[in-house]
Amino acid sequence: SLGIHGPSTFLDKACIHQEDSDIMRKGIERLGAFIMRSDKMLILYTELYLSKLWTIYEVAASLTLNGGASIHVIHMNNSVLL
């Protein structure tokens, strides 16, 4: 440890490679470790969110490890993004 304390953030869009399938697979294989160390999950929900298997896995793992109260969902519609 470097003696640095405070919250850390795992952002799957940034931490899971979106194009290289080998790097993506390695990141997905480590999702459980990230989720196990997380107290909360924030989902920025779009219609694409549940179309990827690993996002369903993230939700299921978080529910199993931390319960539903730890998951917060913000619906991102196009008007919010403009």
PDB file of N, CA and C in Angstrom:
ATOM      1  N   SER A   1       0.837  -1.189   0.000  1.00  0.00           N
ATOM      2  CA  SER A   1       0.000   0.000   0.000  1.00  0.00           C
ATOM      3  C   SER A   1       0.876   1.246   0.000  1.00  0.00           C
ATOM      4  N   LEU A   2       0.426   2.246  -0.717  1.00  0.00           N
ATOM      5  CA  LEU A   2       1.150   3.511  -0.788  1.00  0.00           C
ATOM      6  C   LEU A   2       0.721   4.485   0.298  1.00  0.00           C
ATOM      7  N   GLY A   3      -0.164   4.053   1.175  1.00  0.00           N
ATOM      8  CA  GLY A   3      -0.661   4.940   2.213  1.00  0.00           C
ATOM      9  C   GLY A   3      -1.741   5.875   1.726  1.00  0.00           C
ATOM     10  N   ILE A   4      -2.273   5.626   0.547  1.00  0.00           N
ATOM     11  CA  ILE A   4      -3.329   6.444  -0.020  1.00  0.00           C
ATOM     12  C   ILE A   4      -4.662   5.775   0.292  1.00  0.00           C
ATOM     13  N   HIS A   5      -5.559   6.514   0.903  1.00  0.00           N
ATOM     14  CA  HIS A   5      -6.857   5.956   1.272  1.00  0.00           C
ATOM     15  C   HIS A   5      -7.965   6.779   0.631  1.00  0.00           C
ATOM     16  N   GLY A   6      -9.083   6.159   0.398  1.00  0.00           N
ATOM     17  CA  GLY A   6     -10.223   6.855  -0.180  1.00  0.00           C
ATOM     18  C   GLY A   6     -10.929   5.946  -1.159  1.00  0.00           C
ATOM     19  N   PRO A   7     -12.003   6.435  -1.711  1.00  0.00           N
ATOM     20  CA  PRO A   7     -12.771   5.587  -2.639  1.00  0.00           C
ATOM     21  C   PRO A   7     -12.004   5.356  -3.934  1.00  0.00           C
ATOM     22  N   SER A   8     -12.220   4.202  -4.493  1.00  0.00           N
ATOM     23  CA  SER A   8     -11.670   3.920  -5.814  1.00  0.00           C
ATOM     24  C   SER A   8     -12.850   3.628  -6.731  1.00  0.00           C
ATOM     25  N   THR A   9     -12.624   3.769  -8.007  1.00  0.00           N
ATOM     26  CA  THR A   9     -13.708   3.630  -8.964  1.00  0.00           C
ATOM     27  C   THR A   9     -13.320   2.638 -10.046  1.00  0.00           C
ATOM     28  N   PHE A  10     -14.219   1.716 -10.318  1.00  0.00           N
ATOM     29  CA  PHE A  10     -14.080   0.807 -11.448  1.00  0.00           C
ATOM     30  C   PHE A  10     -15.160   1.198 -12.429  1.00  0.00           C
ATOM     31  N   LEU A  11     -14.771   1.672 -13.577  1.00  0.00           N
ATOM     32  CA  LEU A  11     -15.699   2.064 -14.627  1.00  0.00           C
ATOM     33  C   LEU A  11     -15.549   1.068 -15.761  1.00  0.00           C
ATOM     34  N   ASP A  12     -16.524   0.163 -15.900  1.00  0.00           N
ATOM     35  CA  ASP A  12     -16.318  -0.940 -16.842  1.00  0.00           C
ATOM     36  C   ASP A  12     -16.091  -0.468 -18.271  1.00  0.00           C
ATOM     37  N   LYS A  13     -16.700   0.612 -18.666  1.00  0.00           N
ATOM     38  CA  LYS A  13     -16.506   1.132 -20.030  1.00  0.00           C
ATOM     39  C   LYS A  13     -15.040   1.498 -20.256  1.00  0.00           C
ATOM     40  N   ALA A  14     -14.380   1.975 -19.211  1.00  0.00           N
ATOM     41  CA  ALA A  14     -12.979   2.357 -19.320  1.00  0.00           C
ATOM     42  C   ALA A  14     -12.033   1.215 -18.944  1.00  0.00           C
ATOM     43  N   CYS A  15     -12.465   0.320 -18.073  1.00  0.00           N
ATOM     44  CA  CYS A  15     -11.594  -0.739 -17.572  1.00  0.00           C
ATOM     45  C   CYS A  15     -11.715  -2.048 -18.343  1.00  0.00           C
ATOM     46  N   ILE A  16     -12.793  -2.238 -19.058  1.00  0.00           N
ATOM     47  CA  ILE A  16     -12.957  -3.416 -19.908  1.00  0.00           C
ATOM     48  C   ILE A  16     -12.747  -2.959 -21.348  1.00  0.00           C
ATOM     49  N   HIS A  17     -11.734  -3.517 -21.983  1.00  0.00           N
ATOM     50  CA  HIS A  17     -11.426  -3.119 -23.357  1.00  0.00           C
ATOM     51  C   HIS A  17     -12.637  -3.374 -24.246  1.00  0.00           C
ATOM     52  N   GLN A  18     -12.997  -2.419 -25.073  1.00  0.00           N
ATOM     53  CA  GLN A  18     -14.220  -2.492 -25.865  1.00  0.00           C
ATOM     54  C   GLN A  18     -14.011  -3.071 -27.261  1.00  0.00           C
ATOM     55  N   GLU A  19     -12.758  -3.266 -27.717  1.00  0.00           N
ATOM     56  CA  GLU A  19     -12.528  -3.725 -29.085  1.00  0.00           C
ATOM     57  C   GLU A  19     -11.695  -5.000 -29.183  1.00  0.00           C
ATOM     58  N   ASP A  20     -10.609  -5.099 -28.436  1.00  0.00           N
ATOM     59  CA  ASP A  20      -9.742  -6.276 -28.508  1.00  0.00           C
ATOM     60  C   ASP A  20     -10.350  -7.400 -27.677  1.00  0.00           C
ATOM     61  N   SER A  21     -10.785  -8.473 -28.329  1.00  0.00           N
ATOM     62  CA  SER A  21     -11.530  -9.524 -27.638  1.00  0.00           C
ATOM     63  C   SER A  21     -10.686 -10.275 -26.607  1.00  0.00           C
ATOM     64  N   ASP A  22      -9.382 -10.430 -26.825  1.00  0.00           N
ATOM     65  CA  ASP A  22      -8.535 -11.114 -25.842  1.00  0.00           C
ATOM     66  C   ASP A  22      -8.376 -10.279 -24.571  1.00  0.00           C
ATOM     67  N   ILE A  23      -8.122  -8.992 -24.733  1.00  0.00           N
ATOM     68  CA  ILE A  23      -7.991  -8.104 -23.574  1.00  0.00           C
ATOM     69  C   ILE A  23      -9.348  -7.982 -22.868  1.00  0.00           C
ATOM     70  N   MET A  24     -10.432  -7.907 -23.651  1.00  0.00           N
ATOM     71  CA  MET A  24     -11.776  -7.827 -23.082  1.00  0.00           C
ATOM     72  C   MET A  24     -12.061  -9.058 -22.221  1.00  0.00           C
ATOM     73  N   ARG A  25     -11.745 -10.235 -22.727  1.00  0.00           N
ATOM     74  CA  ARG A  25     -11.986 -11.478 -21.995  1.00  0.00           C
ATOM     75  C   ARG A  25     -11.235 -11.486 -20.668  1.00  0.00           C
ATOM     76  N   LYS A  26      -9.978 -11.045 -20.679  1.00  0.00           N
ATOM     77  CA  LYS A  26      -9.181 -11.006 -19.450  1.00  0.00           C
ATOM     78  C   LYS A  26      -9.809 -10.058 -18.428  1.00  0.00           C
ATOM     79  N   GLY A  27     -10.294  -8.923 -18.895  1.00  0.00           N
ATOM     80  CA  GLY A  27     -10.958  -7.974 -17.989  1.00  0.00           C
ATOM     81  C   GLY A  27     -12.235  -8.547 -17.419  1.00  0.00           C
ATOM     82  N   ILE A  28     -13.023  -9.208 -18.248  1.00  0.00           N
ATOM     83  CA  ILE A  28     -14.286  -9.799 -17.804  1.00  0.00           C
ATOM     84  C   ILE A  28     -14.020 -10.903 -16.785  1.00  0.00           C
ATOM     85  N   GLU A  29     -12.954 -11.663 -16.979  1.00  0.00           N
ATOM     86  CA  GLU A  29     -12.604 -12.722 -16.032  1.00  0.00           C
ATOM     87  C   GLU A  29     -12.273 -12.175 -14.651  1.00  0.00           C
ATOM     88  N   ARG A  30     -11.906 -10.920 -14.564  1.00  0.00           N
ATOM     89  CA  ARG A  30     -11.538 -10.302 -13.288  1.00  0.00           C
ATOM     90  C   ARG A  30     -12.667  -9.479 -12.665  1.00  0.00           C
ATOM     91  N   LEU A  31     -13.825  -9.466 -13.290  1.00  0.00           N
ATOM     92  CA  LEU A  31     -14.946  -8.676 -12.775  1.00  0.00           C
ATOM     93  C   LEU A  31     -15.322  -9.056 -11.348  1.00  0.00           C
ATOM     94  N   GLY A  32     -15.319 -10.348 -11.062  1.00  0.00           N
ATOM     95  CA  GLY A  32     -15.696 -10.802  -9.724  1.00  0.00           C
ATOM     96  C   GLY A  32     -14.844 -10.183  -8.638  1.00  0.00           C
ATOM     97  N   ALA A  33     -13.550 -10.040  -8.887  1.00  0.00           N
ATOM     98  CA  ALA A  33     -12.648  -9.435  -7.899  1.00  0.00           C
ATOM     99  C   ALA A  33     -12.991  -7.965  -7.670  1.00  0.00           C
ATOM    100  N   PHE A  34     -13.293  -7.244  -8.733  1.00  0.00           N
ATOM    101  CA  PHE A  34     -13.674  -5.839  -8.589  1.00  0.00           C
ATOM    102  C   PHE A  34     -14.986  -5.714  -7.822  1.00  0.00           C
ATOM    103  N   ILE A  35     -15.950  -6.534  -8.167  1.00  0.00           N
ATOM    104  CA  ILE A  35     -17.269  -6.460  -7.532  1.00  0.00           C
ATOM    105  C   ILE A  35     -17.185  -6.865  -6.071  1.00  0.00           C
ATOM    106  N   MET A  36     -16.360  -7.856  -5.759  1.00  0.00           N
ATOM    107  CA  MET A  36     -16.220  -8.302  -4.381  1.00  0.00           C
ATOM    108  C   MET A  36     -15.694  -7.182  -3.486  1.00  0.00           C
ATOM    109  N   ARG A  37     -14.874  -6.303  -4.038  1.00  0.00           N
ATOM    110  CA  ARG A  37     -14.300  -5.205  -3.260  1.00  0.00           C
ATOM    111  C   ARG A  37     -15.156  -3.939  -3.303  1.00  0.00           C
ATOM    112  N   SER A  38     -16.287  -4.008  -3.972  1.00  0.00           N
ATOM    113  CA  SER A  38     -17.156  -2.839  -4.127  1.00  0.00           C
ATOM    114  C   SER A  38     -18.290  -2.871  -3.111  1.00  0.00           C
ATOM    115  N   ASP A  39     -18.605  -1.717  -2.571  1.00  0.00           N
ATOM    116  CA  ASP A  39     -19.745  -1.590  -1.663  1.00  0.00           C
ATOM    117  C   ASP A  39     -21.015  -1.223  -2.406  1.00  0.00           C
ATOM    118  N   LYS A  40     -20.863  -0.539  -3.540  1.00  0.00           N
ATOM    119  CA  LYS A  40     -22.016  -0.046  -4.299  1.00  0.00           C
ATOM    120  C   LYS A  40     -21.758  -0.219  -5.784  1.00  0.00           C
ATOM    121  N   MET A  41     -22.867  -0.237  -6.529  1.00  0.00           N
ATOM    122  CA  MET A  41     -22.781  -0.263  -7.985  1.00  0.00           C
ATOM    123  C   MET A  41     -23.673   0.847  -8.527  1.00  0.00           C
ATOM    124  N   LEU A  42     -23.125   1.663  -9.395  1.00  0.00           N
ATOM    125  CA  LEU A  42     -23.887   2.710 -10.067  1.00  0.00           C
ATOM    126  C   LEU A  42     -23.995   2.315 -11.529  1.00  0.00           C
ATOM    127  N   ILE A  43     -25.220   2.197 -12.007  1.00  0.00           N
ATOM    128  CA  ILE A  43     -25.472   1.828 -13.397  1.00  0.00           C
ATOM    129  C   ILE A  43     -25.984   3.054 -14.131  1.00  0.00           C
ATOM    130  N   LEU A  44     -25.266   3.459 -15.175  1.00  0.00           N
ATOM    131  CA  LEU A  44     -25.732   4.521 -16.066  1.00  0.00           C
ATOM    132  C   LEU A  44     -26.424   3.795 -17.203  1.00  0.00           C
ATOM    133  N   TYR A  45     -27.718   3.621 -17.070  1.00  0.00           N
ATOM    134  CA  TYR A  45     -28.493   2.715 -17.912  1.00  0.00           C
ATOM    135  C   TYR A  45     -28.889   3.340 -19.247  1.00  0.00           C
ATOM    136  N   THR A  46     -28.600   2.602 -20.316  1.00  0.00           N
ATOM    137  CA  THR A  46     -29.111   2.911 -21.646  1.00  0.00           C
ATOM    138  C   THR A  46     -29.725   1.622 -22.190  1.00  0.00           C
ATOM    139  N   GLU A  47     -30.356   1.703 -23.345  1.00  0.00           N
ATOM    140  CA  GLU A  47     -30.966   0.513 -23.933  1.00  0.00           C
ATOM    141  C   GLU A  47     -29.917  -0.549 -24.282  1.00  0.00           C
ATOM    142  N   LEU A  48     -28.657  -0.189 -24.351  1.00  0.00           N
ATOM    143  CA  LEU A  48     -27.589  -1.141 -24.667  1.00  0.00           C
ATOM    144  C   LEU A  48     -27.070  -1.889 -23.432  1.00  0.00           C
ATOM    145  N   TYR A  49     -27.371  -1.391 -22.244  1.00  0.00           N
ATOM    146  CA  TYR A  49     -26.751  -1.934 -21.028  1.00  0.00           C
ATOM    147  C   TYR A  49     -26.926  -3.440 -20.879  1.00  0.00           C
ATOM    148  N   LEU A  50     -28.129  -3.936 -21.001  1.00  0.00           N
ATOM    149  CA  LEU A  50     -28.375  -5.360 -20.786  1.00  0.00           C
ATOM    150  C   LEU A  50     -28.165  -6.204 -22.035  1.00  0.00           C
ATOM    151  N   SER A  51     -27.634  -5.604 -23.102  1.00  0.00           N
ATOM    152  CA  SER A  51     -27.366  -6.371 -24.316  1.00  0.00           C
ATOM    153  C   SER A  51     -26.002  -7.061 -24.266  1.00  0.00           C
ATOM    154  N   LYS A  52     -25.210  -6.753 -23.255  1.00  0.00           N
ATOM    155  CA  LYS A  52     -23.885  -7.362 -23.114  1.00  0.00           C
ATOM    156  C   LYS A  52     -23.903  -8.320 -21.939  1.00  0.00           C
ATOM    157  N   LEU A  53     -23.414  -9.516 -22.168  1.00  0.00           N
ATOM    158  CA  LEU A  53     -23.462 -10.550 -21.145  1.00  0.00           C
ATOM    159  C   LEU A  53     -22.729 -10.130 -19.875  1.00  0.00           C
ATOM    160  N   TRP A  54     -21.592  -9.446 -20.003  1.00  0.00           N
ATOM    161  CA  TRP A  54     -20.851  -9.114 -18.792  1.00  0.00           C
ATOM    162  C   TRP A  54     -21.582  -8.096 -17.923  1.00  0.00           C
ATOM    163  N   THR A  55     -22.418  -7.251 -18.495  1.00  0.00           N
ATOM    164  CA  THR A  55     -23.159  -6.312 -17.646  1.00  0.00           C
ATOM    165  C   THR A  55     -24.234  -7.040 -16.843  1.00  0.00           C
ATOM    166  N   ILE A  56     -24.826  -8.068 -17.423  1.00  0.00           N
ATOM    167  CA  ILE A  56     -25.782  -8.889 -16.678  1.00  0.00           C
ATOM    168  C   ILE A  56     -25.050  -9.611 -15.551  1.00  0.00           C
ATOM    169  N   TYR A  57     -23.854 -10.111 -15.844  1.00  0.00           N
ATOM    170  CA  TYR A  57     -23.035 -10.765 -14.824  1.00  0.00           C
ATOM    171  C   TYR A  57     -22.698  -9.793 -13.699  1.00  0.00           C
ATOM    172  N   GLU A  58     -22.344  -8.545 -14.032  1.00  0.00           N
ATOM    173  CA  GLU A  58     -22.025  -7.541 -13.012  1.00  0.00           C
ATOM    174  C   GLU A  58     -23.199  -7.349 -12.060  1.00  0.00           C
ATOM    175  N   VAL A  59     -24.395  -7.201 -12.620  1.00  0.00           N
ATOM    176  CA  VAL A  59     -25.583  -6.997 -11.792  1.00  0.00           C
ATOM    177  C   VAL A  59     -25.844  -8.221 -10.912  1.00  0.00           C
ATOM    178  N   ALA A  60     -25.789  -9.408 -11.501  1.00  0.00           N
ATOM    179  CA  ALA A  60     -26.039 -10.636 -10.742  1.00  0.00           C
ATOM    180  C   ALA A  60     -25.015 -10.813  -9.622  1.00  0.00           C
ATOM    181  N   ALA A  61     -23.754 -10.564  -9.920  1.00  0.00           N
ATOM    182  CA  ALA A  61     -22.709 -10.700  -8.901  1.00  0.00           C
ATOM    183  C   ALA A  61     -22.886  -9.679  -7.790  1.00  0.00           C
ATOM    184  N   SER A  62     -23.214  -8.450  -8.145  1.00  0.00           N
ATOM    185  CA  SER A  62     -23.429  -7.416  -7.133  1.00  0.00           C
ATOM    186  C   SER A  62     -24.629  -7.747  -6.250  1.00  0.00           C
ATOM    187  N   LEU A  63     -25.715  -8.224  -6.856  1.00  0.00           N
ATOM    188  CA  LEU A  63     -26.889  -8.630  -6.079  1.00  0.00           C
ATOM    189  C   LEU A  63     -26.542  -9.759  -5.117  1.00  0.00           C
ATOM    190  N   THR A  64     -25.772 -10.724  -5.590  1.00  0.00           N
ATOM    191  CA  THR A  64     -25.396 -11.869  -4.769  1.00  0.00           C
ATOM    192  C   THR A  64     -24.483 -11.455  -3.618  1.00  0.00           C
ATOM    193  N   LEU A  65     -23.501 -10.616  -3.905  1.00  0.00           N
ATOM    194  CA  LEU A  65     -22.507 -10.250  -2.897  1.00  0.00           C
ATOM    195  C   LEU A  65     -22.953  -9.133  -1.968  1.00  0.00           C
ATOM    196  N   ASN A  66     -23.725  -8.191  -2.490  1.00  0.00           N
ATOM    197  CA  ASN A  66     -24.019  -6.976  -1.720  1.00  0.00           C
ATOM    198  C   ASN A  66     -25.498  -6.698  -1.516  1.00  0.00           C
ATOM    199  N   GLY A  67     -26.376  -7.407  -2.190  1.00  0.00           N
ATOM    200  CA  GLY A  67     -27.808  -7.154  -2.069  1.00  0.00           C
ATOM    201  C   GLY A  67     -28.270  -6.008  -2.951  1.00  0.00           C
ATOM    202  N   GLY A  68     -29.563  -5.928  -3.158  1.00  0.00           N
ATOM    203  CA  GLY A  68     -30.138  -4.937  -4.056  1.00  0.00           C
ATOM    204  C   GLY A  68     -29.978  -3.500  -3.609  1.00  0.00           C
ATOM    205  N   ALA A  69     -29.842  -3.266  -2.303  1.00  0.00           N
ATOM    206  CA  ALA A  69     -29.719  -1.891  -1.813  1.00  0.00           C
ATOM    207  C   ALA A  69     -28.419  -1.240  -2.264  1.00  0.00           C
ATOM    208  N   SER A  70     -27.461  -2.049  -2.708  1.00  0.00           N
ATOM    209  CA  SER A  70     -26.169  -1.501  -3.105  1.00  0.00           C
ATOM    210  C   SER A  70     -26.141  -1.044  -4.561  1.00  0.00           C
ATOM    211  N   ILE A  71     -27.223  -1.299  -5.307  1.00  0.00           N
ATOM    212  CA  ILE A  71     -27.254  -0.949  -6.731  1.00  0.00           C
ATOM    213  C   ILE A  71     -28.101   0.297  -6.945  1.00  0.00           C
ATOM    214  N   HIS A  72     -27.530   1.268  -7.627  1.00  0.00           N
ATOM    215  CA  HIS A  72     -28.217   2.514  -7.954  1.00  0.00           C
ATOM    216  C   HIS A  72     -28.228   2.662  -9.473  1.00  0.00           C
ATOM    217  N   VAL A  73     -29.394   2.990 -10.028  1.00  0.00           N
ATOM    218  CA  VAL A  73     -29.541   3.076 -11.480  1.00  0.00           C
ATOM    219  C   VAL A  73     -29.953   4.491 -11.871  1.00  0.00           C
ATOM    220  N   ILE A  74     -29.247   5.049 -12.834  1.00  0.00           N
ATOM    221  CA  ILE A  74     -29.606   6.333 -13.431  1.00  0.00           C
ATOM    222  C   ILE A  74     -29.911   6.058 -14.898  1.00  0.00           C
ATOM    223  N   HIS A  75     -31.138   6.349 -15.307  1.00  0.00           N
ATOM    224  CA  HIS A  75     -31.521   6.125 -16.703  1.00  0.00           C
ATOM    225  C   HIS A  75     -30.967   7.273 -17.547  1.00  0.00           C
ATOM    226  N   MET A  76     -30.170   6.921 -18.522  1.00  0.00           N
ATOM    227  CA  MET A  76     -29.558   7.919 -19.403  1.00  0.00           C
ATOM    228  C   MET A  76     -30.325   7.967 -20.716  1.00  0.00           C
ATOM    229  N   ASN A  77     -31.189   8.949 -20.870  1.00  0.00           N
ATOM    230  CA  ASN A  77     -31.859   9.095 -22.148  1.00  0.00           C
ATOM    231  C   ASN A  77     -31.132  10.131 -22.987  1.00  0.00           C
ATOM    232  N   ASN A  78     -31.460  10.227 -24.246  1.00  0.00           N
ATOM    233  CA  ASN A  78     -30.720  11.108 -25.152  1.00  0.00           C
ATOM    234  C   ASN A  78     -30.783  12.565 -24.740  1.00  0.00           C
ATOM    235  N   SER A  79     -31.878  13.012 -24.165  1.00  0.00           N
ATOM    236  CA  SER A  79     -31.969  14.425 -23.784  1.00  0.00           C
ATOM    237  C   SER A  79     -30.993  14.768 -22.674  1.00  0.00           C
ATOM    238  N   VAL A  80     -30.648  13.805 -21.825  1.00  0.00           N
ATOM    239  CA  VAL A  80     -29.682  14.051 -20.754  1.00  0.00           C
ATOM    240  C   VAL A  80     -28.287  14.207 -21.330  1.00  0.00           C
ATOM    241  N   LEU A  81     -27.997  13.467 -22.379  1.00  0.00           N
ATOM    242  CA  LEU A  81     -26.662  13.479 -22.949  1.00  0.00           C
ATOM    243  C   LEU A  81     -26.386  14.690 -23.819  1.00  0.00           C
ATOM    244  N   LEU A  82     -27.408  15.393 -24.260  1.00  0.00           N
ATOM    245  CA  LEU A  82     -27.206  16.547 -25.141  1.00  0.00           C
ATOM    246  C   LEU A  82     -26.738  17.763 -24.427  1.00  0.00           C
TER     247      LEU A  82
END
